[in-house]
Protein backbone atom coordinates (compact mmCIF):
# COMPACT_ATOMS: atom_id res chain seq x y z
CA MET A 1 0.00 0.00 0.00
CA GLY A 2 1.03 3.64 -0.35
CA LEU A 3 3.63 5.18 -2.58
CA LYS A 4 6.47 3.06 -3.98
CA PHE A 5 9.40 4.16 -6.12
CA GLU A 6 11.32 1.90 -8.47
CA THR A 7 15.09 2.00 -8.91
CA PRO A 8 15.98 5.18 -10.85
CA GLU A 9 16.94 4.80 -14.51
CA ILE A 10 20.17 6.71 -14.91
CA GLY A 11 21.44 7.33 -18.41
CA LYS A 12 21.44 10.46 -20.51
CA ASP A 13 18.59 11.61 -18.26
CA VAL A 14 17.31 10.42 -14.87
CA PHE A 15 13.86 8.83 -14.66
CA LEU A 16 12.01 7.55 -11.63
CA SER A 17 8.93 5.32 -11.91
CA PHE A 18 6.37 5.17 -9.13
CA THR A 19 3.14 3.43 -8.18
CA VAL A 20 0.52 4.37 -5.64
CA THR A 21 -2.62 2.59 -4.49
CA ASP A 22 -5.78 4.67 -4.47
CA ALA A 23 -7.16 4.33 -0.94
CA HIS A 24 -10.53 5.76 -2.00
CA PRO A 25 -11.34 4.39 -5.46
CA ARG A 26 -13.37 6.92 -7.41
CA GLY A 27 -12.72 5.80 -10.95
CA GLU A 28 -9.91 6.19 -13.42
CA ARG A 29 -10.53 9.74 -14.55
CA GLU A 30 -10.97 11.36 -11.14
CA SER A 31 -8.16 9.37 -9.46
CA SER A 32 -5.70 10.12 -12.28
CA HIS A 33 -6.61 13.82 -12.34
CA ASP A 34 -6.27 14.18 -8.55
CA LEU A 35 -2.87 12.45 -8.48
CA LYS A 36 -1.57 14.49 -11.42
CA ARG A 37 -2.59 17.72 -9.68
CA LEU A 38 -0.99 16.54 -6.42
CA VAL A 39 2.28 15.58 -8.15
CA HIS A 40 2.50 18.92 -9.98
CA LYS A 41 1.97 20.80 -6.72
CA ALA A 42 4.50 18.63 -4.82
CA LEU A 43 7.17 19.16 -7.50
CA GLU A 44 6.72 22.92 -7.65
CA GLY A 45 10.09 24.61 -7.21
CA VAL A 46 12.23 21.51 -7.81
CA ASN A 47 13.86 20.11 -10.94
CA TRP A 48 11.60 17.02 -11.26
CA ARG A 49 8.54 16.84 -13.51
CA LEU A 50 5.89 14.28 -14.36
CA MET A 51 6.55 12.71 -17.75
CA SER A 52 4.25 13.71 -20.61
CA ASP A 53 2.66 10.24 -20.73
CA GLY A 54 1.03 11.20 -17.41
CA ILE A 55 -0.63 8.83 -14.98
CA SER A 56 -1.80 5.29 -15.76
CA TYR A 57 -4.64 3.62 -13.84
CA ARG A 58 -5.54 -0.05 -13.46
CA VAL A 59 -7.51 -1.69 -10.66
CA CYS A 60 -7.00 1.21 -8.20
CA ILE A 61 -3.24 1.29 -8.86
CA LEU A 62 -1.86 4.48 -10.35
CA SER A 63 1.58 4.68 -11.92
CA GLY A 64 3.74 7.26 -13.59
CA ARG A 65 7.28 8.39 -14.29
CA LEU A 66 9.21 11.44 -13.18
CA ARG A 67 12.11 13.05 -15.02
CA ALA A 68 14.91 15.06 -13.44
CA TYR A 69 16.06 18.16 -15.26
CA GLU A 70 19.74 18.77 -14.60
CA LYS A 71 21.31 20.15 -17.79
CA GLU A 72 21.57 23.92 -17.89
CA GLU A 73 19.56 24.19 -21.13
CA ASP A 74 16.77 21.99 -19.72
CA LEU A 75 16.65 24.00 -16.50
CA LEU A 76 16.38 27.25 -18.47
CA LYS A 77 13.45 25.84 -20.47
CA LEU A 78 11.81 24.73 -17.24
CA ILE A 79 12.20 28.19 -15.70
CA LYS A 80 10.72 29.82 -18.80
CA LYS A 81 7.79 27.41 -18.78
CA ILE A 82 7.12 28.13 -15.09
CA SER A 83 7.35 31.89 -15.68
CA ILE A 84 4.88 31.74 -18.59
CA TRP A 85 2.54 29.54 -16.57
CA LYS A 86 2.53 32.05 -13.68
CA ILE A 87 1.78 34.95 -16.05
CA TYR A 88 -1.28 33.19 -17.49
CA TYR A 89 -2.67 31.60 -14.34
CA PHE A 90 -1.99 34.12 -11.57
């Protein structure tokens, strides 16, 4: 039960897969949306982001992958994306 992380994949980039069991099953759409929102909020201000393939859901088990941004060019893109997001949504 709870949140579990797999062994990080370290290569050109760093990826971290995770799974979490939904304690209050509400259906795929709502559970996936809630977890995605929670992950985005938890990663605010750090160099990790949820991969574009998002969250997968099967039998109350949600899974996803995180990517670490560590190259200077990737960090600059991330900062620009955050800045643009704040302009439009705040």
